[in-house]
Each structure stands twice: as C-alpha cells, then as structure tokens.
Amino acid sequence: MALHNSVAWKQSTKFDVTRWLGENLSTIPSHCYAPFGIGPRACIAEKHLFNLLTGILAVLLYHNDYEKTGPLPEPSQGTFGLANMPPKYSLKATPLSTRS
C-alpha cells in the first residue's frame, strides 16, 4: 500500500511523524509501511544504500574531530519507535588537517 492510502492512514496527506511513535506504533497495520519493500520485489539497492551511508559516516568521522557544545541529554529522553526522534543536542565538527 502507498503511504498516502487514506484507508490505512488517518489524514494520509498530512506529514505527521508522530504516527510512527509511542502508542501509535501499535495501530499501524504491518503491511502498510515497508519503505524498501519486502519479499522478492524488494529494493535491490537497499544494501548498497546502507553501505554508502556507512561509508559517508566513516569518512566524516575520520576527517573531523567532534566535541559537544552543550550538555548531553539523559539517555531516557527522546521518543523511540518505528521513527526515532532522539533528544536534541549539539556537536561542533573541527576538520583534522593533520590526517591525509
């Protein structure tokens, strides 16, 4: 089913990230959300995408030094479900010019 199917979703044309959080998570029919598809017709590029994103993260971590610019939130803060919304915090990235 498409994500904008009005039979499966309340207010299907409205962007509402809370529909995937908390108690709303249990109301989602299992067949209504599969961003990469499932089964034999699943997205063939899914693994490639995750490998690419992992590589980008590795390059960013290798070439920058990160420091927190404010207090870190408590681990219990944030909302977690099908869509994770971690608590807000700030990091400052400084390029490492000594690495090649």
N, C-alpha and C. Protein backbone atom coordinates (compact mmCIF):
# COMPACT_ATOMS: atom_id res chain seq x y z
N MET A 1 0.83 -1.19 0.00
CA MET A 1 0.00 0.00 0.00
C MET A 1 0.87 1.24 0.00
N ALA A 2 0.41 2.25 -0.64
CA ALA A 2 1.14 3.51 -0.66
C ALA A 2 0.99 4.22 0.68
N LEU A 3 1.97 5.07 0.99
CA LEU A 3 1.93 5.79 2.26
C LEU A 3 0.82 6.81 2.32
N HIS A 4 0.24 7.16 1.18
CA HIS A 4 -0.84 8.14 1.17
C HIS A 4 -2.22 7.48 1.00
N ASN A 5 -2.32 6.21 1.27
CA ASN A 5 -3.58 5.50 1.16
C ASN A 5 -4.49 5.90 2.33
N SER A 6 -5.60 6.54 2.02
CA SER A 6 -6.48 7.06 3.07
C SER A 6 -7.22 5.97 3.84
N VAL A 7 -7.24 4.75 3.32
CA VAL A 7 -7.90 3.66 4.04
C VAL A 7 -7.04 3.22 5.23
N ALA A 8 -5.73 3.19 5.03
CA ALA A 8 -4.82 2.71 6.07
C ALA A 8 -4.38 3.80 7.04
N TRP A 9 -4.37 5.06 6.60
CA TRP A 9 -3.83 6.15 7.42
C TRP A 9 -4.88 7.22 7.67
N LYS A 10 -4.93 7.72 8.90
CA LYS A 10 -5.76 8.89 9.20
C LYS A 10 -5.01 10.11 8.71
N GLN A 11 -5.69 11.04 8.08
CA GLN A 11 -5.08 12.24 7.49
C GLN A 11 -3.85 11.85 6.66
N SER A 12 -4.06 11.05 5.66
CA SER A 12 -2.97 10.46 4.90
C SER A 12 -2.13 11.46 4.11
N THR A 13 -2.66 12.62 3.78
CA THR A 13 -1.89 13.60 3.01
C THR A 13 -1.09 14.54 3.90
N LYS A 14 -1.26 14.45 5.21
CA LYS A 14 -0.55 15.31 6.15
C LYS A 14 0.72 14.61 6.64
N PHE A 15 1.85 15.35 6.66
CA PHE A 15 3.07 14.80 7.21
C PHE A 15 2.97 14.82 8.73
N ASP A 16 3.01 13.64 9.34
CA ASP A 16 2.86 13.54 10.78
C ASP A 16 3.77 12.42 11.28
N VAL A 17 4.97 12.79 11.75
CA VAL A 17 5.93 11.79 12.20
C VAL A 17 5.45 11.08 13.46
N THR A 18 4.53 11.68 14.20
CA THR A 18 4.06 11.05 15.44
C THR A 18 3.24 9.79 15.17
N ARG A 19 2.81 9.57 13.94
CA ARG A 19 2.06 8.34 13.67
C ARG A 19 2.94 7.10 13.81
N TRP A 20 4.27 7.27 13.82
CA TRP A 20 5.18 6.14 13.99
C TRP A 20 5.79 6.09 15.38
N LEU A 21 5.28 6.86 16.32
CA LEU A 21 5.87 6.93 17.65
C LEU A 21 4.92 6.46 18.73
N GLY A 22 5.50 5.97 19.83
CA GLY A 22 4.75 5.65 21.04
C GLY A 22 3.60 4.68 20.82
N GLU A 23 2.46 5.04 21.42
CA GLU A 23 1.29 4.16 21.36
C GLU A 23 0.70 4.07 19.95
N ASN A 24 1.00 5.04 19.09
CA ASN A 24 0.50 4.98 17.70
C ASN A 24 1.15 3.85 16.91
N LEU A 25 2.33 3.44 17.34
CA LEU A 25 3.06 2.40 16.63
C LEU A 25 2.28 1.09 16.55
N SER A 26 1.55 0.77 17.61
CA SER A 26 0.81 -0.49 17.62
C SER A 26 -0.44 -0.46 16.74
N THR A 27 -0.86 0.72 16.29
CA THR A 27 -2.05 0.82 15.45
C THR A 27 -1.74 0.71 13.96
N ILE A 28 -0.47 0.67 13.60
CA ILE A 28 -0.09 0.60 12.19
C ILE A 28 -0.21 -0.83 11.70
N PRO A 29 -1.02 -1.08 10.68
CA PRO A 29 -1.08 -2.43 10.11
C PRO A 29 0.29 -2.81 9.54
N SER A 30 0.72 -4.03 9.75
CA SER A 30 2.08 -4.44 9.38
C SER A 30 2.35 -4.33 7.88
N HIS A 31 1.34 -4.40 7.06
CA HIS A 31 1.54 -4.35 5.61
C HIS A 31 1.55 -2.92 5.05
N CYS A 32 1.39 -1.92 5.90
CA CYS A 32 1.22 -0.55 5.41
C CYS A 32 2.50 0.26 5.35
N TYR A 33 3.57 -0.19 5.96
CA TYR A 33 4.81 0.60 5.91
C TYR A 33 5.99 -0.31 5.68
N ALA A 34 6.51 -0.28 4.49
CA ALA A 34 7.71 -1.02 4.11
C ALA A 34 8.47 -0.15 3.12
N PRO A 35 9.31 0.77 3.61
CA PRO A 35 9.92 1.76 2.72
C PRO A 35 10.77 1.17 1.60
N PHE A 36 11.38 0.01 1.80
CA PHE A 36 12.17 -0.61 0.74
C PHE A 36 11.46 -1.80 0.13
N GLY A 37 10.25 -2.05 0.54
CA GLY A 37 9.51 -3.20 0.04
C GLY A 37 9.93 -4.46 0.77
N ILE A 38 9.22 -5.52 0.51
CA ILE A 38 9.53 -6.81 1.14
C ILE A 38 9.40 -7.91 0.11
N GLY A 39 10.01 -9.02 0.40
CA GLY A 39 9.89 -10.17 -0.48
C GLY A 39 10.76 -10.08 -1.72
N PRO A 40 10.41 -10.84 -2.75
CA PRO A 40 11.25 -10.91 -3.94
C PRO A 40 11.30 -9.61 -4.74
N ARG A 41 10.36 -8.71 -4.53
CA ARG A 41 10.37 -7.45 -5.27
C ARG A 41 10.87 -6.28 -4.43
N ALA A 42 11.61 -6.58 -3.39
CA ALA A 42 12.18 -5.54 -2.53
C ALA A 42 13.23 -4.75 -3.31
N CYS A 43 13.52 -3.59 -2.82
CA CYS A 43 14.50 -2.70 -3.46
C CYS A 43 15.87 -3.38 -3.51
N ILE A 44 16.42 -3.52 -4.70
CA ILE A 44 17.71 -4.18 -4.83
C ILE A 44 18.86 -3.27 -4.38
N ALA A 45 18.60 -2.00 -4.23
CA ALA A 45 19.65 -1.06 -3.85
C ALA A 45 19.69 -0.78 -2.35
N GLU A 46 18.84 -1.44 -1.56
CA GLU A 46 18.79 -1.18 -0.12
C GLU A 46 20.14 -1.42 0.55
N LYS A 47 20.77 -2.56 0.29
CA LYS A 47 22.07 -2.85 0.90
C LYS A 47 23.13 -1.89 0.40
N HIS A 48 23.07 -1.54 -0.86
CA HIS A 48 24.02 -0.56 -1.40
C HIS A 48 23.86 0.78 -0.70
N LEU A 49 22.62 1.20 -0.48
CA LEU A 49 22.37 2.47 0.19
C LEU A 49 22.95 2.47 1.60
N PHE A 50 22.70 1.41 2.36
CA PHE A 50 23.22 1.36 3.72
C PHE A 50 24.75 1.29 3.74
N ASN A 51 25.36 0.60 2.78
CA ASN A 51 26.82 0.59 2.68
C ASN A 51 27.35 1.97 2.34
N LEU A 52 26.67 2.68 1.46
CA LEU A 52 27.08 4.03 1.08
C LEU A 52 26.97 4.98 2.27
N LEU A 53 25.87 4.92 3.00
CA LEU A 53 25.71 5.78 4.17
C LEU A 53 26.73 5.47 5.25
N THR A 54 27.06 4.20 5.43
CA THR A 54 28.09 3.82 6.40
C THR A 54 29.45 4.38 5.97
N GLY A 55 29.74 4.32 4.69
CA GLY A 55 30.99 4.88 4.18
C GLY A 55 31.07 6.39 4.37
N ILE A 56 29.98 7.09 4.12
CA ILE A 56 29.96 8.54 4.31
C ILE A 56 30.18 8.88 5.78
N LEU A 57 29.52 8.15 6.67
CA LEU A 57 29.71 8.37 8.11
C LEU A 57 31.16 8.11 8.50
N ALA A 58 31.76 7.05 7.98
CA ALA A 58 33.16 6.73 8.30
C ALA A 58 34.09 7.85 7.85
N VAL A 59 33.88 8.39 6.66
CA VAL A 59 34.72 9.48 6.17
C VAL A 59 34.56 10.72 7.04
N LEU A 60 33.33 11.04 7.42
CA LEU A 60 33.11 12.20 8.29
C LEU A 60 33.78 12.01 9.65
N LEU A 61 33.68 10.82 10.20
CA LEU A 61 34.31 10.56 11.50
C LEU A 61 35.83 10.58 11.40
N TYR A 62 36.39 10.12 10.30
CA TYR A 62 37.83 10.06 10.13
C TYR A 62 38.45 11.44 9.94
N HIS A 63 37.78 12.30 9.21
CA HIS A 63 38.36 13.59 8.84
C HIS A 63 37.97 14.75 9.76
N ASN A 64 37.18 14.50 10.79
CA ASN A 64 36.75 15.58 11.68
C ASN A 64 36.89 15.15 13.13
N ASP A 65 37.05 16.15 13.97
CA ASP A 65 37.05 15.94 15.41
C ASP A 65 35.76 16.54 15.93
N TYR A 66 35.05 15.83 16.76
CA TYR A 66 33.74 16.29 17.25
C TYR A 66 33.82 16.57 18.74
N GLU A 67 33.16 17.65 19.15
CA GLU A 67 33.05 17.95 20.57
C GLU A 67 31.64 18.46 20.84
N LYS A 68 31.16 18.17 22.03
CA LYS A 68 29.82 18.62 22.38
C LYS A 68 29.87 20.10 22.73
N THR A 69 28.82 20.82 22.38
CA THR A 69 28.78 22.25 22.66
C THR A 69 27.78 22.58 23.76
N GLY A 70 27.15 21.60 24.30
CA GLY A 70 26.19 21.80 25.38
C GLY A 70 26.09 20.52 26.18
N PRO A 71 25.20 20.50 27.15
CA PRO A 71 25.07 19.28 27.96
C PRO A 71 24.43 18.15 27.15
N LEU A 72 24.87 16.94 27.45
CA LEU A 72 24.26 15.78 26.80
C LEU A 72 22.94 15.46 27.49
N PRO A 73 21.94 15.08 26.73
CA PRO A 73 20.64 14.75 27.33
C PRO A 73 20.71 13.41 28.08
N GLU A 74 19.75 13.19 28.92
CA GLU A 74 19.64 11.91 29.63
C GLU A 74 19.32 10.81 28.62
N PRO A 75 19.85 9.62 28.81
CA PRO A 75 19.57 8.53 27.86
C PRO A 75 18.09 8.19 27.74
N SER A 76 17.31 8.49 28.76
CA SER A 76 15.89 8.15 28.71
C SER A 76 15.08 9.19 27.95
N GLN A 77 15.68 10.33 27.58
CA GLN A 77 14.95 11.35 26.84
C GLN A 77 14.84 10.94 25.37
N GLY A 78 13.92 11.57 24.67
CA GLY A 78 13.70 11.26 23.26
C GLY A 78 12.52 10.32 23.12
N THR A 79 12.10 10.15 21.90
CA THR A 79 10.98 9.28 21.60
C THR A 79 11.46 8.23 20.62
N PHE A 80 11.22 6.98 20.93
CA PHE A 80 11.70 5.91 20.08
C PHE A 80 10.55 5.02 19.67
N GLY A 81 10.56 4.62 18.43
CA GLY A 81 9.53 3.78 17.86
C GLY A 81 9.99 3.38 16.48
N LEU A 82 9.09 3.29 15.52
CA LEU A 82 9.47 3.00 14.15
C LEU A 82 10.28 4.16 13.58
N ALA A 83 9.94 5.38 13.98
CA ALA A 83 10.72 6.56 13.63
C ALA A 83 11.34 7.08 14.93
N ASN A 84 12.64 7.10 15.01
CA ASN A 84 13.31 7.55 16.23
C ASN A 84 13.53 9.05 16.20
N MET A 85 13.16 9.70 17.29
CA MET A 85 13.40 11.13 17.44
C MET A 85 14.25 11.31 18.69
N PRO A 86 15.58 11.27 18.55
CA PRO A 86 16.43 11.40 19.73
C PRO A 86 16.33 12.81 20.30
N PRO A 87 16.72 12.97 21.56
CA PRO A 87 16.68 14.32 22.14
C PRO A 87 17.68 15.23 21.43
N LYS A 88 17.44 16.52 21.51
CA LYS A 88 18.30 17.49 20.82
C LYS A 88 19.58 17.72 21.62
N TYR A 89 20.69 17.77 20.91
CA TYR A 89 21.98 18.14 21.48
C TYR A 89 22.82 18.69 20.34
N SER A 90 23.94 19.30 20.66
CA SER A 90 24.76 19.96 19.64
C SER A 90 26.17 19.40 19.64
N LEU A 91 26.71 19.25 18.44
CA LEU A 91 28.09 18.86 18.25
C LEU A 91 28.76 19.88 17.35
N LYS A 92 30.05 20.11 17.59
CA LYS A 92 30.84 21.01 16.75
C LYS A 92 31.89 20.16 16.06
N ALA A 93 31.96 20.25 14.72
CA ALA A 93 32.94 19.49 13.96
C ALA A 93 34.09 20.40 13.59
N THR A 94 35.31 19.93 13.86
CA THR A 94 36.53 20.65 13.50
C THR A 94 37.33 19.76 12.57
N PRO A 95 37.67 20.26 11.37
CA PRO A 95 38.45 19.43 10.44
C PRO A 95 39.82 19.09 11.03
N LEU A 96 40.24 17.85 10.81
CA LEU A 96 41.56 17.42 11.21
C LEU A 96 42.51 17.60 10.04
N SER A 97 43.33 18.59 10.06
CA SER A 97 44.22 18.87 8.93
C SER A 97 45.48 18.02 8.97
N THR A 98 45.74 17.32 10.08
CA THR A 98 46.96 16.54 10.19
C THR A 98 46.86 15.18 9.52
N ARG A 99 45.65 14.72 9.25
CA ARG A 99 45.48 13.43 8.56
C ARG A 99 45.48 13.65 7.07
N SER A 100 45.94 12.66 6.34
CA SER A 100 45.95 12.78 4.88
C SER A 100 44.79 12.07 4.27
